[in-house]
N, C-alpha and C. Protein backbone atom coordinates (compact mmCIF):
# COMPACT_ATOMS: atom_id res chain seq x y z
N MET A 1 15.11 -35.33 -31.20
CA MET A 1 14.41 -35.71 -32.43
C MET A 1 15.43 -35.94 -33.53
N THR A 2 15.27 -37.01 -34.31
CA THR A 2 16.21 -37.32 -35.37
C THR A 2 16.02 -36.38 -36.55
N GLU A 3 17.00 -36.36 -37.44
CA GLU A 3 16.91 -35.50 -38.63
C GLU A 3 15.74 -35.93 -39.51
N GLN A 4 15.48 -37.23 -39.61
CA GLN A 4 14.36 -37.72 -40.42
C GLN A 4 13.04 -37.22 -39.86
N GLN A 5 12.90 -37.24 -38.52
CA GLN A 5 11.67 -36.74 -37.91
C GLN A 5 11.53 -35.24 -38.13
N GLN A 6 12.64 -34.51 -38.04
CA GLN A 6 12.62 -33.07 -38.23
C GLN A 6 12.20 -32.71 -39.66
N GLN A 7 12.59 -33.52 -40.62
CA GLN A 7 12.27 -33.26 -42.02
C GLN A 7 10.94 -33.88 -42.44
N GLY A 8 10.22 -34.44 -41.48
CA GLY A 8 8.95 -35.09 -41.77
C GLY A 8 7.81 -34.10 -41.97
N VAL A 9 6.61 -34.63 -41.99
CA VAL A 9 5.41 -33.83 -42.24
C VAL A 9 4.40 -34.09 -41.12
N ILE A 10 3.81 -33.02 -40.61
CA ILE A 10 2.70 -33.16 -39.68
C ILE A 10 1.43 -33.33 -40.51
N VAL A 11 0.71 -34.41 -40.28
CA VAL A 11 -0.58 -34.63 -40.94
C VAL A 11 -1.66 -34.66 -39.87
N ALA A 12 -2.57 -33.69 -39.94
CA ALA A 12 -3.67 -33.62 -38.98
C ALA A 12 -4.99 -33.89 -39.68
N MET A 13 -5.87 -34.58 -38.98
CA MET A 13 -7.21 -34.83 -39.49
C MET A 13 -8.21 -34.29 -38.46
N THR A 14 -9.19 -33.53 -38.95
CA THR A 14 -10.21 -32.98 -38.07
C THR A 14 -11.58 -33.55 -38.45
N GLY A 15 -12.64 -32.95 -37.93
CA GLY A 15 -13.95 -33.57 -38.02
C GLY A 15 -14.76 -33.33 -39.27
N ALA A 16 -14.17 -32.77 -40.31
CA ALA A 16 -14.91 -32.62 -41.57
C ALA A 16 -15.08 -33.97 -42.25
N SER A 17 -16.09 -34.09 -43.06
CA SER A 17 -16.25 -35.29 -43.87
C SER A 17 -15.09 -35.37 -44.86
N GLY A 18 -14.71 -36.60 -45.21
CA GLY A 18 -13.60 -36.77 -46.14
C GLY A 18 -12.39 -37.41 -45.50
N ALA A 19 -12.61 -38.32 -44.56
CA ALA A 19 -11.50 -38.99 -43.88
C ALA A 19 -10.60 -39.74 -44.86
N ALA A 20 -11.16 -40.19 -45.97
CA ALA A 20 -10.36 -40.92 -46.95
C ALA A 20 -9.22 -40.08 -47.50
N TYR A 21 -9.42 -38.76 -47.58
CA TYR A 21 -8.34 -37.89 -48.06
C TYR A 21 -7.13 -37.96 -47.13
N GLY A 22 -7.39 -37.87 -45.84
CA GLY A 22 -6.30 -37.91 -44.88
C GLY A 22 -5.56 -39.23 -44.89
N LEU A 23 -6.31 -40.33 -44.93
CA LEU A 23 -5.67 -41.64 -44.95
C LEU A 23 -4.86 -41.85 -46.22
N ARG A 24 -5.38 -41.37 -47.34
CA ARG A 24 -4.64 -41.53 -48.60
C ARG A 24 -3.34 -40.74 -48.57
N LEU A 25 -3.37 -39.53 -47.99
CA LEU A 25 -2.14 -38.74 -47.91
C LEU A 25 -1.12 -39.44 -47.01
N ILE A 26 -1.57 -39.96 -45.88
CA ILE A 26 -0.65 -40.69 -45.00
C ILE A 26 -0.01 -41.86 -45.75
N HIS A 27 -0.82 -42.59 -46.50
CA HIS A 27 -0.30 -43.73 -47.26
C HIS A 27 0.71 -43.28 -48.31
N GLN A 28 0.39 -42.20 -49.03
CA GLN A 28 1.28 -41.71 -50.09
C GLN A 28 2.61 -41.24 -49.51
N LEU A 29 2.56 -40.50 -48.42
CA LEU A 29 3.80 -40.00 -47.82
C LEU A 29 4.62 -41.13 -47.22
N SER A 30 3.93 -42.10 -46.63
CA SER A 30 4.64 -43.25 -46.05
C SER A 30 5.39 -44.03 -47.13
N SER A 31 4.79 -44.13 -48.31
CA SER A 31 5.43 -44.87 -49.40
C SER A 31 6.70 -44.18 -49.89
N ARG A 32 6.87 -42.91 -49.51
CA ARG A 32 8.08 -42.16 -49.87
C ARG A 32 9.02 -42.02 -48.68
N ASN A 33 8.82 -42.90 -47.71
CA ASN A 33 9.71 -42.98 -46.54
C ASN A 33 9.79 -41.66 -45.79
N THR A 34 8.66 -40.96 -45.73
CA THR A 34 8.58 -39.69 -45.01
C THR A 34 8.12 -39.94 -43.58
N PHE A 35 8.79 -39.34 -42.62
CA PHE A 35 8.34 -39.49 -41.24
C PHE A 35 7.07 -38.68 -41.04
N LEU A 36 6.09 -39.28 -40.37
CA LEU A 36 4.79 -38.63 -40.21
C LEU A 36 4.47 -38.41 -38.74
N HIS A 37 4.17 -37.16 -38.41
CA HIS A 37 3.67 -36.79 -37.10
C HIS A 37 2.15 -36.64 -37.26
N VAL A 38 1.39 -37.59 -36.76
CA VAL A 38 -0.06 -37.65 -37.03
C VAL A 38 -0.85 -37.14 -35.83
N LEU A 39 -1.76 -36.19 -36.11
CA LEU A 39 -2.61 -35.61 -35.09
C LEU A 39 -4.07 -35.83 -35.48
N LEU A 40 -4.85 -36.39 -34.60
CA LEU A 40 -6.26 -36.67 -34.89
C LEU A 40 -7.14 -36.03 -33.83
N SER A 41 -8.09 -35.22 -34.28
CA SER A 41 -9.05 -34.65 -33.32
C SER A 41 -10.04 -35.73 -32.91
N ASP A 42 -10.75 -35.49 -31.82
CA ASP A 42 -11.77 -36.45 -31.38
C ASP A 42 -12.85 -36.60 -32.45
N ALA A 43 -13.21 -35.48 -33.08
CA ALA A 43 -14.23 -35.54 -34.14
C ALA A 43 -13.73 -36.31 -35.35
N ALA A 44 -12.43 -36.24 -35.63
CA ALA A 44 -11.87 -37.00 -36.76
C ALA A 44 -12.05 -38.49 -36.53
N LYS A 45 -11.88 -38.92 -35.28
CA LYS A 45 -12.06 -40.35 -34.98
C LYS A 45 -13.51 -40.77 -35.17
N VAL A 46 -14.43 -39.87 -34.85
CA VAL A 46 -15.85 -40.16 -35.08
C VAL A 46 -16.13 -40.32 -36.58
N VAL A 47 -15.56 -39.42 -37.38
CA VAL A 47 -15.76 -39.46 -38.83
C VAL A 47 -15.12 -40.72 -39.42
N LEU A 48 -13.95 -41.10 -38.94
CA LEU A 48 -13.29 -42.31 -39.42
C LEU A 48 -14.17 -43.54 -39.19
N GLN A 49 -14.81 -43.59 -38.05
CA GLN A 49 -15.69 -44.72 -37.77
C GLN A 49 -16.96 -44.66 -38.61
N GLN A 50 -17.52 -43.46 -38.78
CA GLN A 50 -18.75 -43.30 -39.53
C GLN A 50 -18.56 -43.58 -41.01
N GLU A 51 -17.45 -43.07 -41.59
CA GLU A 51 -17.26 -43.18 -43.04
C GLU A 51 -16.50 -44.43 -43.48
N LEU A 52 -15.60 -44.91 -42.62
CA LEU A 52 -14.72 -46.01 -43.05
C LEU A 52 -14.70 -47.19 -42.09
N ASP A 53 -15.55 -47.17 -41.07
CA ASP A 53 -15.62 -48.26 -40.08
C ASP A 53 -14.29 -48.52 -39.41
N ILE A 54 -13.52 -47.45 -39.17
CA ILE A 54 -12.25 -47.56 -38.47
C ILE A 54 -12.44 -47.02 -37.06
N CYS A 55 -12.25 -47.88 -36.08
CA CYS A 55 -12.38 -47.48 -34.68
C CYS A 55 -11.00 -47.39 -34.06
N LEU A 56 -10.58 -46.19 -33.72
CA LEU A 56 -9.24 -45.98 -33.19
C LEU A 56 -9.26 -45.85 -31.67
N PRO A 57 -8.29 -46.43 -30.99
CA PRO A 57 -8.23 -46.38 -29.53
C PRO A 57 -7.80 -45.01 -29.02
N GLU A 58 -7.91 -44.79 -27.73
CA GLU A 58 -7.54 -43.52 -27.12
C GLU A 58 -6.03 -43.33 -27.07
N SER A 59 -5.32 -44.39 -26.74
CA SER A 59 -3.87 -44.30 -26.61
C SER A 59 -3.22 -43.89 -27.93
N ALA A 60 -2.30 -42.93 -27.87
CA ALA A 60 -1.63 -42.46 -29.08
C ALA A 60 -0.82 -43.58 -29.74
N GLU A 61 -0.13 -44.36 -28.92
CA GLU A 61 0.69 -45.44 -29.47
C GLU A 61 -0.18 -46.51 -30.12
N ALA A 62 -1.27 -46.89 -29.45
CA ALA A 62 -2.18 -47.89 -30.01
C ALA A 62 -2.87 -47.35 -31.26
N CYS A 63 -3.15 -46.05 -31.27
CA CYS A 63 -3.76 -45.42 -32.44
C CYS A 63 -2.83 -45.52 -33.65
N ALA A 64 -1.55 -45.27 -33.44
CA ALA A 64 -0.57 -45.38 -34.53
C ALA A 64 -0.50 -46.81 -35.05
N ASP A 65 -0.50 -47.77 -34.14
CA ASP A 65 -0.45 -49.18 -34.56
C ASP A 65 -1.66 -49.55 -35.40
N GLN A 66 -2.84 -49.08 -34.97
CA GLN A 66 -4.07 -49.41 -35.69
C GLN A 66 -4.09 -48.76 -37.06
N LEU A 67 -3.64 -47.51 -37.16
CA LEU A 67 -3.58 -46.83 -38.45
C LEU A 67 -2.65 -47.56 -39.42
N CYS A 68 -1.48 -47.92 -38.93
CA CYS A 68 -0.51 -48.62 -39.79
C CYS A 68 -1.04 -49.97 -40.24
N LYS A 69 -1.71 -50.65 -39.34
CA LYS A 69 -2.29 -51.95 -39.69
C LYS A 69 -3.35 -51.80 -40.77
N HIS A 70 -4.21 -50.80 -40.63
CA HIS A 70 -5.28 -50.58 -41.61
C HIS A 70 -4.71 -50.20 -42.98
N LEU A 71 -3.67 -49.36 -42.99
CA LEU A 71 -3.11 -48.88 -44.25
C LEU A 71 -2.05 -49.82 -44.83
N GLY A 72 -1.64 -50.79 -44.04
CA GLY A 72 -0.62 -51.72 -44.52
C GLY A 72 0.74 -51.07 -44.69
N ILE A 73 1.10 -50.18 -43.74
CA ILE A 73 2.37 -49.48 -43.82
C ILE A 73 3.20 -49.76 -42.57
N SER A 74 4.48 -49.48 -42.66
CA SER A 74 5.38 -49.67 -41.53
C SER A 74 5.13 -48.62 -40.46
N GLY A 75 5.23 -49.02 -39.22
CA GLY A 75 5.03 -48.09 -38.13
C GLY A 75 6.29 -47.37 -37.70
N SER A 76 7.41 -47.70 -38.32
CA SER A 76 8.68 -47.11 -37.89
C SER A 76 8.78 -45.62 -38.21
N ASN A 77 8.02 -45.15 -39.20
CA ASN A 77 8.09 -43.75 -39.61
C ASN A 77 6.80 -42.99 -39.30
N LEU A 78 6.02 -43.47 -38.36
CA LEU A 78 4.75 -42.80 -38.03
C LEU A 78 4.57 -42.75 -36.52
N ARG A 79 4.20 -41.58 -36.04
CA ARG A 79 3.93 -41.43 -34.61
C ARG A 79 2.68 -40.57 -34.43
N CYS A 80 1.79 -41.02 -33.56
CA CYS A 80 0.60 -40.24 -33.22
C CYS A 80 0.83 -39.54 -31.87
N TYR A 81 0.15 -38.42 -31.69
CA TYR A 81 0.27 -37.66 -30.45
C TYR A 81 -1.13 -37.30 -29.94
N GLY A 82 -1.26 -37.23 -28.64
CA GLY A 82 -2.51 -36.78 -28.05
C GLY A 82 -2.70 -35.29 -28.24
N LEU A 83 -3.94 -34.85 -28.23
CA LEU A 83 -4.24 -33.44 -28.49
C LEU A 83 -3.76 -32.50 -27.39
N LYS A 84 -3.40 -33.05 -26.24
CA LYS A 84 -2.88 -32.24 -25.15
C LYS A 84 -1.41 -32.56 -24.85
N ASP A 85 -0.75 -33.17 -25.82
CA ASP A 85 0.66 -33.52 -25.66
C ASP A 85 1.52 -32.31 -26.02
N TRP A 86 1.65 -31.40 -25.08
CA TRP A 86 2.36 -30.15 -25.34
C TRP A 86 3.87 -30.33 -25.44
N PHE A 87 4.36 -31.53 -25.13
CA PHE A 87 5.80 -31.80 -25.25
C PHE A 87 6.14 -32.47 -26.58
N SER A 88 5.17 -32.63 -27.46
CA SER A 88 5.43 -33.24 -28.76
C SER A 88 6.18 -32.24 -29.65
N PRO A 89 6.94 -32.72 -30.64
CA PRO A 89 7.68 -31.81 -31.52
C PRO A 89 6.80 -30.80 -32.24
N ALA A 90 5.56 -31.19 -32.54
CA ALA A 90 4.66 -30.31 -33.29
C ALA A 90 4.30 -29.04 -32.52
N ALA A 91 4.52 -29.03 -31.21
CA ALA A 91 4.09 -27.91 -30.38
C ALA A 91 5.06 -26.74 -30.36
N SER A 92 6.24 -26.92 -30.95
CA SER A 92 7.24 -25.86 -30.86
C SER A 92 7.99 -25.66 -32.17
N GLY A 93 8.23 -24.41 -32.50
CA GLY A 93 9.00 -24.10 -33.70
C GLY A 93 10.43 -24.55 -33.60
N SER A 94 10.95 -24.68 -32.38
CA SER A 94 12.34 -25.09 -32.21
C SER A 94 12.59 -26.53 -32.66
N ALA A 95 11.52 -27.32 -32.80
CA ALA A 95 11.68 -28.70 -33.29
C ALA A 95 12.11 -28.73 -34.75
N GLY A 96 11.76 -27.68 -35.49
CA GLY A 96 12.24 -27.55 -36.86
C GLY A 96 11.42 -28.22 -37.94
N ILE A 97 10.24 -28.75 -37.59
CA ILE A 97 9.39 -29.36 -38.62
C ILE A 97 8.86 -28.26 -39.52
N LYS A 98 8.96 -28.45 -40.82
CA LYS A 98 8.69 -27.35 -41.75
C LYS A 98 7.40 -27.49 -42.56
N ARG A 99 6.69 -28.62 -42.43
CA ARG A 99 5.50 -28.82 -43.27
C ARG A 99 4.36 -29.42 -42.46
N MET A 100 3.17 -28.91 -42.70
CA MET A 100 1.98 -29.43 -42.03
C MET A 100 0.79 -29.39 -42.98
N VAL A 101 -0.01 -30.45 -42.94
CA VAL A 101 -1.24 -30.53 -43.73
C VAL A 101 -2.39 -30.90 -42.80
N ILE A 102 -3.48 -30.14 -42.88
CA ILE A 102 -4.70 -30.51 -42.16
C ILE A 102 -5.71 -30.98 -43.20
N ILE A 103 -6.00 -32.28 -43.19
CA ILE A 103 -6.78 -32.90 -44.26
C ILE A 103 -7.62 -34.04 -43.70
N PRO A 104 -8.94 -33.95 -43.69
CA PRO A 104 -9.73 -32.77 -44.05
C PRO A 104 -9.70 -31.75 -42.91
N CYS A 105 -10.00 -30.51 -43.25
CA CYS A 105 -10.00 -29.42 -42.27
C CYS A 105 -11.43 -28.92 -42.08
N SER A 106 -11.93 -29.06 -40.88
CA SER A 106 -13.29 -28.58 -40.59
C SER A 106 -13.30 -27.05 -40.52
N MET A 107 -14.46 -26.48 -40.69
CA MET A 107 -14.59 -25.04 -40.61
C MET A 107 -14.34 -24.54 -39.18
N GLY A 108 -14.65 -25.37 -38.19
CA GLY A 108 -14.37 -24.99 -36.82
C GLY A 108 -12.88 -24.89 -36.56
N SER A 109 -12.13 -25.90 -36.99
CA SER A 109 -10.68 -25.87 -36.82
C SER A 109 -10.08 -24.71 -37.59
N LEU A 110 -10.56 -24.51 -38.82
CA LEU A 110 -10.05 -23.41 -39.65
C LEU A 110 -10.28 -22.07 -38.97
N ALA A 111 -11.46 -21.89 -38.38
CA ALA A 111 -11.79 -20.62 -37.72
C ALA A 111 -10.88 -20.39 -36.52
N ARG A 112 -10.65 -21.43 -35.72
CA ARG A 112 -9.82 -21.27 -34.53
C ARG A 112 -8.37 -20.98 -34.90
N ILE A 113 -7.89 -21.59 -35.99
CA ILE A 113 -6.53 -21.31 -36.45
C ILE A 113 -6.44 -19.87 -36.95
N ALA A 114 -7.46 -19.43 -37.66
CA ALA A 114 -7.48 -18.05 -38.16
C ALA A 114 -7.49 -17.04 -37.02
N MET A 115 -8.08 -17.41 -35.89
CA MET A 115 -8.13 -16.53 -34.72
C MET A 115 -6.84 -16.58 -33.90
N GLY A 116 -5.98 -17.55 -34.20
CA GLY A 116 -4.76 -17.70 -33.41
C GLY A 116 -4.96 -18.49 -32.14
N ALA A 117 -6.08 -19.22 -32.05
CA ALA A 117 -6.33 -20.04 -30.86
C ALA A 117 -5.40 -21.25 -30.88
N SER A 118 -5.02 -21.69 -29.70
CA SER A 118 -4.15 -22.87 -29.59
C SER A 118 -4.64 -23.74 -28.45
N ASP A 119 -5.89 -24.14 -28.53
CA ASP A 119 -6.50 -24.91 -27.45
C ASP A 119 -6.17 -26.39 -27.52
N ASN A 120 -5.68 -26.86 -28.66
CA ASN A 120 -5.24 -28.25 -28.75
C ASN A 120 -3.99 -28.31 -29.63
N LEU A 121 -3.41 -29.48 -29.76
CA LEU A 121 -2.13 -29.60 -30.45
C LEU A 121 -2.24 -29.30 -31.94
N ILE A 122 -3.37 -29.61 -32.56
CA ILE A 122 -3.54 -29.30 -33.98
C ILE A 122 -3.48 -27.80 -34.20
N GLU A 123 -4.24 -27.07 -33.39
CA GLU A 123 -4.26 -25.60 -33.53
C GLU A 123 -2.90 -24.99 -33.20
N ARG A 124 -2.23 -25.51 -32.17
CA ARG A 124 -0.91 -25.01 -31.80
C ARG A 124 0.10 -25.28 -32.92
N ALA A 125 0.07 -26.48 -33.49
CA ALA A 125 1.01 -26.82 -34.56
C ALA A 125 0.80 -25.91 -35.76
N ALA A 126 -0.46 -25.64 -36.10
CA ALA A 126 -0.75 -24.74 -37.22
C ALA A 126 -0.26 -23.33 -36.91
N ASP A 127 -0.44 -22.89 -35.68
CA ASP A 127 0.04 -21.57 -35.26
C ASP A 127 1.56 -21.49 -35.39
N VAL A 128 2.24 -22.58 -35.04
CA VAL A 128 3.70 -22.63 -35.18
C VAL A 128 4.11 -22.46 -36.64
N MET A 129 3.43 -23.17 -37.54
CA MET A 129 3.77 -23.07 -38.96
C MET A 129 3.63 -21.64 -39.46
N LEU A 130 2.55 -20.97 -39.03
CA LEU A 130 2.33 -19.60 -39.49
C LEU A 130 3.35 -18.62 -38.92
N LYS A 131 3.61 -18.73 -37.63
CA LYS A 131 4.53 -17.77 -37.01
C LYS A 131 5.96 -17.96 -37.47
N GLU A 132 6.31 -19.21 -37.83
CA GLU A 132 7.67 -19.49 -38.30
C GLU A 132 7.80 -19.34 -39.81
N ARG A 133 6.70 -18.95 -40.47
CA ARG A 133 6.68 -18.78 -41.92
C ARG A 133 7.03 -20.09 -42.64
N ARG A 134 6.45 -21.18 -42.12
CA ARG A 134 6.67 -22.49 -42.72
C ARG A 134 5.41 -22.92 -43.48
N GLN A 135 5.43 -24.09 -44.07
CA GLN A 135 4.35 -24.49 -44.97
C GLN A 135 3.16 -25.09 -44.21
N LEU A 136 2.02 -24.45 -44.34
CA LEU A 136 0.77 -24.94 -43.77
C LEU A 136 -0.24 -25.09 -44.90
N ILE A 137 -0.73 -26.30 -45.08
CA ILE A 137 -1.72 -26.59 -46.12
C ILE A 137 -3.02 -27.01 -45.43
N LEU A 138 -4.11 -26.34 -45.80
CA LEU A 138 -5.43 -26.67 -45.27
C LEU A 138 -6.29 -27.20 -46.39
N VAL A 139 -6.95 -28.33 -46.15
CA VAL A 139 -7.84 -28.93 -47.15
C VAL A 139 -9.25 -28.93 -46.58
N PRO A 140 -9.96 -27.78 -46.72
CA PRO A 140 -11.32 -27.70 -46.18
C PRO A 140 -12.30 -28.52 -47.01
N ARG A 141 -13.31 -29.07 -46.32
CA ARG A 141 -14.33 -29.85 -47.01
C ARG A 141 -15.67 -29.46 -46.41
N GLU A 142 -16.34 -28.52 -47.07
CA GLU A 142 -17.63 -28.02 -46.61
C GLU A 142 -18.38 -27.44 -47.79
N THR A 143 -19.72 -27.50 -47.74
CA THR A 143 -20.53 -26.86 -48.76
C THR A 143 -21.95 -26.72 -48.25
N PRO A 144 -22.61 -25.60 -48.51
CA PRO A 144 -22.07 -24.37 -49.10
C PRO A 144 -21.18 -23.64 -48.11
N LEU A 145 -20.44 -22.65 -48.60
CA LEU A 145 -19.55 -21.87 -47.77
C LEU A 145 -20.21 -20.55 -47.40
N SER A 146 -20.18 -20.22 -46.11
CA SER A 146 -20.73 -18.94 -45.67
C SER A 146 -19.68 -17.84 -45.84
N SER A 147 -20.09 -16.60 -45.70
CA SER A 147 -19.16 -15.49 -45.76
C SER A 147 -18.09 -15.61 -44.67
N ILE A 148 -18.48 -16.13 -43.52
CA ILE A 148 -17.52 -16.32 -42.42
C ILE A 148 -16.45 -17.32 -42.83
N HIS A 149 -16.87 -18.44 -43.44
CA HIS A 149 -15.89 -19.44 -43.91
C HIS A 149 -14.91 -18.81 -44.90
N LEU A 150 -15.45 -18.08 -45.85
CA LEU A 150 -14.62 -17.48 -46.90
C LEU A 150 -13.67 -16.44 -46.32
N GLU A 151 -14.16 -15.64 -45.37
CA GLU A 151 -13.31 -14.63 -44.76
C GLU A 151 -12.17 -15.27 -43.97
N ASN A 152 -12.48 -16.37 -43.28
CA ASN A 152 -11.43 -17.07 -42.53
C ASN A 152 -10.38 -17.67 -43.46
N MET A 153 -10.81 -18.21 -44.58
CA MET A 153 -9.85 -18.77 -45.54
C MET A 153 -8.99 -17.68 -46.15
N LEU A 154 -9.60 -16.53 -46.45
CA LEU A 154 -8.83 -15.41 -46.99
C LEU A 154 -7.81 -14.92 -45.97
N LYS A 155 -8.22 -14.83 -44.72
CA LYS A 155 -7.32 -14.39 -43.66
C LYS A 155 -6.12 -15.32 -43.55
N LEU A 156 -6.35 -16.62 -43.60
CA LEU A 156 -5.27 -17.59 -43.50
C LEU A 156 -4.38 -17.57 -44.75
N SER A 157 -5.00 -17.39 -45.90
CA SER A 157 -4.21 -17.30 -47.14
C SER A 157 -3.27 -16.10 -47.08
N ARG A 158 -3.77 -14.99 -46.59
CA ARG A 158 -2.93 -13.79 -46.45
C ARG A 158 -1.83 -13.99 -45.42
N ALA A 159 -2.07 -14.87 -44.45
CA ALA A 159 -1.07 -15.16 -43.42
C ALA A 159 -0.02 -16.14 -43.90
N GLY A 160 -0.24 -16.71 -45.10
CA GLY A 160 0.76 -17.61 -45.67
C GLY A 160 0.34 -19.05 -45.84
N ALA A 161 -0.87 -19.40 -45.41
CA ALA A 161 -1.34 -20.78 -45.57
C ALA A 161 -1.74 -21.06 -47.02
N HIS A 162 -1.61 -22.30 -47.42
CA HIS A 162 -2.09 -22.74 -48.73
C HIS A 162 -3.47 -23.37 -48.52
N ILE A 163 -4.45 -22.90 -49.25
CA ILE A 163 -5.81 -23.43 -49.15
C ILE A 163 -6.07 -24.30 -50.37
N ILE A 164 -6.28 -25.60 -50.12
CA ILE A 164 -6.56 -26.54 -51.22
C ILE A 164 -7.90 -27.22 -50.91
N PRO A 165 -9.01 -26.60 -51.32
CA PRO A 165 -10.31 -27.21 -51.03
C PRO A 165 -10.43 -28.59 -51.68
N ALA A 166 -11.17 -29.45 -51.02
CA ALA A 166 -11.39 -30.80 -51.58
C ALA A 166 -12.41 -30.70 -52.71
N MET A 167 -11.94 -30.13 -53.84
CA MET A 167 -12.78 -29.93 -55.02
C MET A 167 -12.16 -30.70 -56.18
N PRO A 168 -12.51 -31.96 -56.36
CA PRO A 168 -11.88 -32.76 -57.41
C PRO A 168 -12.28 -32.30 -58.81
N GLY A 169 -11.34 -32.38 -59.72
CA GLY A 169 -11.64 -32.15 -61.13
C GLY A 169 -12.15 -33.44 -61.77
N PHE A 170 -12.63 -33.33 -62.98
CA PHE A 170 -13.16 -34.52 -63.66
C PHE A 170 -12.61 -34.69 -65.07
N TYR A 171 -11.62 -33.84 -65.43
CA TYR A 171 -11.04 -33.97 -66.76
C TYR A 171 -10.25 -35.26 -66.92
N HIS A 172 -9.87 -35.88 -65.79
CA HIS A 172 -9.13 -37.15 -65.87
C HIS A 172 -10.08 -38.35 -65.94
N ARG A 173 -11.38 -38.06 -66.03
CA ARG A 173 -12.42 -39.09 -66.18
C ARG A 173 -12.33 -40.17 -65.10
N PRO A 174 -12.58 -39.80 -63.86
CA PRO A 174 -12.49 -40.78 -62.77
C PRO A 174 -13.48 -41.92 -62.95
N GLU A 175 -13.03 -43.10 -62.59
CA GLU A 175 -13.87 -44.29 -62.71
C GLU A 175 -14.25 -44.86 -61.34
N SER A 176 -13.75 -44.25 -60.28
CA SER A 176 -14.03 -44.76 -58.94
C SER A 176 -13.89 -43.63 -57.92
N VAL A 177 -14.36 -43.89 -56.71
CA VAL A 177 -14.17 -42.93 -55.63
C VAL A 177 -12.67 -42.75 -55.37
N ASP A 178 -11.90 -43.82 -55.48
CA ASP A 178 -10.46 -43.73 -55.28
C ASP A 178 -9.82 -42.72 -56.24
N ASP A 179 -10.28 -42.71 -57.48
CA ASP A 179 -9.74 -41.76 -58.46
C ASP A 179 -10.01 -40.31 -58.04
N ILE A 180 -11.19 -40.09 -57.47
CA ILE A 180 -11.56 -38.74 -57.02
C ILE A 180 -10.72 -38.34 -55.81
N VAL A 181 -10.56 -39.26 -54.87
CA VAL A 181 -9.73 -39.00 -53.69
C VAL A 181 -8.28 -38.72 -54.11
N ASN A 182 -7.77 -39.53 -55.03
CA ASN A 182 -6.39 -39.37 -55.48
C ASN A 182 -6.16 -38.01 -56.12
N PHE A 183 -7.15 -37.50 -56.85
CA PHE A 183 -7.00 -36.20 -57.52
C PHE A 183 -6.68 -35.11 -56.51
N VAL A 184 -7.43 -35.06 -55.42
CA VAL A 184 -7.21 -34.03 -54.41
C VAL A 184 -5.87 -34.24 -53.70
N VAL A 185 -5.58 -35.49 -53.33
CA VAL A 185 -4.34 -35.78 -52.62
C VAL A 185 -3.13 -35.50 -53.51
N ASP A 186 -3.26 -35.74 -54.80
CA ASP A 186 -2.15 -35.43 -55.73
C ASP A 186 -1.84 -33.95 -55.74
N ARG A 187 -2.87 -33.10 -55.62
CA ARG A 187 -2.62 -31.65 -55.58
C ARG A 187 -1.87 -31.26 -54.29
N VAL A 188 -2.20 -31.94 -53.21
CA VAL A 188 -1.49 -31.70 -51.95
C VAL A 188 -0.03 -32.14 -52.08
N MET A 189 0.17 -33.31 -52.67
CA MET A 189 1.54 -33.81 -52.86
C MET A 189 2.35 -32.86 -53.72
N ASP A 190 1.73 -32.26 -54.72
CA ASP A 190 2.42 -31.28 -55.55
C ASP A 190 2.91 -30.10 -54.70
N GLN A 191 2.04 -29.61 -53.83
CA GLN A 191 2.41 -28.48 -52.98
C GLN A 191 3.53 -28.83 -52.01
N LEU A 192 3.56 -30.09 -51.59
CA LEU A 192 4.62 -30.56 -50.70
C LEU A 192 5.91 -30.87 -51.47
N ASP A 193 5.84 -30.72 -52.78
CA ASP A 193 6.99 -30.94 -53.67
C ASP A 193 7.42 -32.41 -53.73
N PHE A 194 6.43 -33.30 -53.69
CA PHE A 194 6.67 -34.72 -53.91
C PHE A 194 6.21 -35.06 -55.32
N GLN A 195 7.10 -35.58 -56.13
CA GLN A 195 6.76 -35.95 -57.49
C GLN A 195 5.95 -37.24 -57.50
N ASN A 196 4.84 -37.22 -58.22
CA ASN A 196 4.01 -38.41 -58.36
C ASN A 196 3.78 -38.66 -59.84
N THR A 197 4.51 -39.60 -60.38
CA THR A 197 4.43 -39.87 -61.82
C THR A 197 3.08 -40.46 -62.22
N GLU A 198 2.32 -40.97 -61.24
CA GLU A 198 1.02 -41.57 -61.55
C GLU A 198 -0.12 -40.56 -61.52
N ALA A 199 0.16 -39.33 -61.11
CA ALA A 199 -0.89 -38.32 -61.01
C ALA A 199 -1.43 -37.97 -62.40
N LYS A 200 -2.75 -37.83 -62.48
CA LYS A 200 -3.39 -37.46 -63.74
C LYS A 200 -3.32 -35.94 -63.93
N ARG A 201 -2.73 -35.49 -65.02
CA ARG A 201 -2.52 -34.06 -65.22
C ARG A 201 -3.16 -33.58 -66.51
N TRP A 202 -3.52 -32.30 -66.51
CA TRP A 202 -4.14 -31.70 -67.67
C TRP A 202 -3.19 -31.77 -68.87
N GLY A 203 -3.75 -32.16 -70.00
CA GLY A 203 -2.97 -32.20 -71.24
C GLY A 203 -2.30 -33.52 -71.53
N GLU A 204 -2.32 -34.43 -70.54
CA GLU A 204 -1.69 -35.74 -70.78
C GLU A 204 -2.66 -36.66 -71.49
């Protein structure tokens, strides 16, 4: 694995509503020449088709091509992996990848990560981030939240994960859905330590 890939970001999308958040983050990171290791659950593909009319193929390579085509970004810095690709860099701490974002994060995925389950590559990659004390950001999108949901989020927060619920603010007076999506993604970018001069901030 190259140094650029090692310093890249794992971006995972699961089956919660809010596929636009994940795509916007991929686009934002790509514009900063960040290498992206993209993981998509089967449910995430269903949501992408339901919410955004994006139909992604089964093949990981074809999936990457389709994503790049839809977002209008270069494919040289993006790679998709199958959920059972245990030889991918995301599956091992020795690969050295230090940042991962699950956006949107379903309550099912969040619960399995909190339990330490590693039944697919998304869960395994998240487990790697926690055990190696690296950066794991979860962007849950659910309402209302049950006590079980809240307890799982607290457990993960105590384990070192950053919880950034998809709860947009409105002090920046959004005029479109894009403005609302950008607000949440900007908070994620802040946590990843990427400066975004276009982000709307309190007091400006």
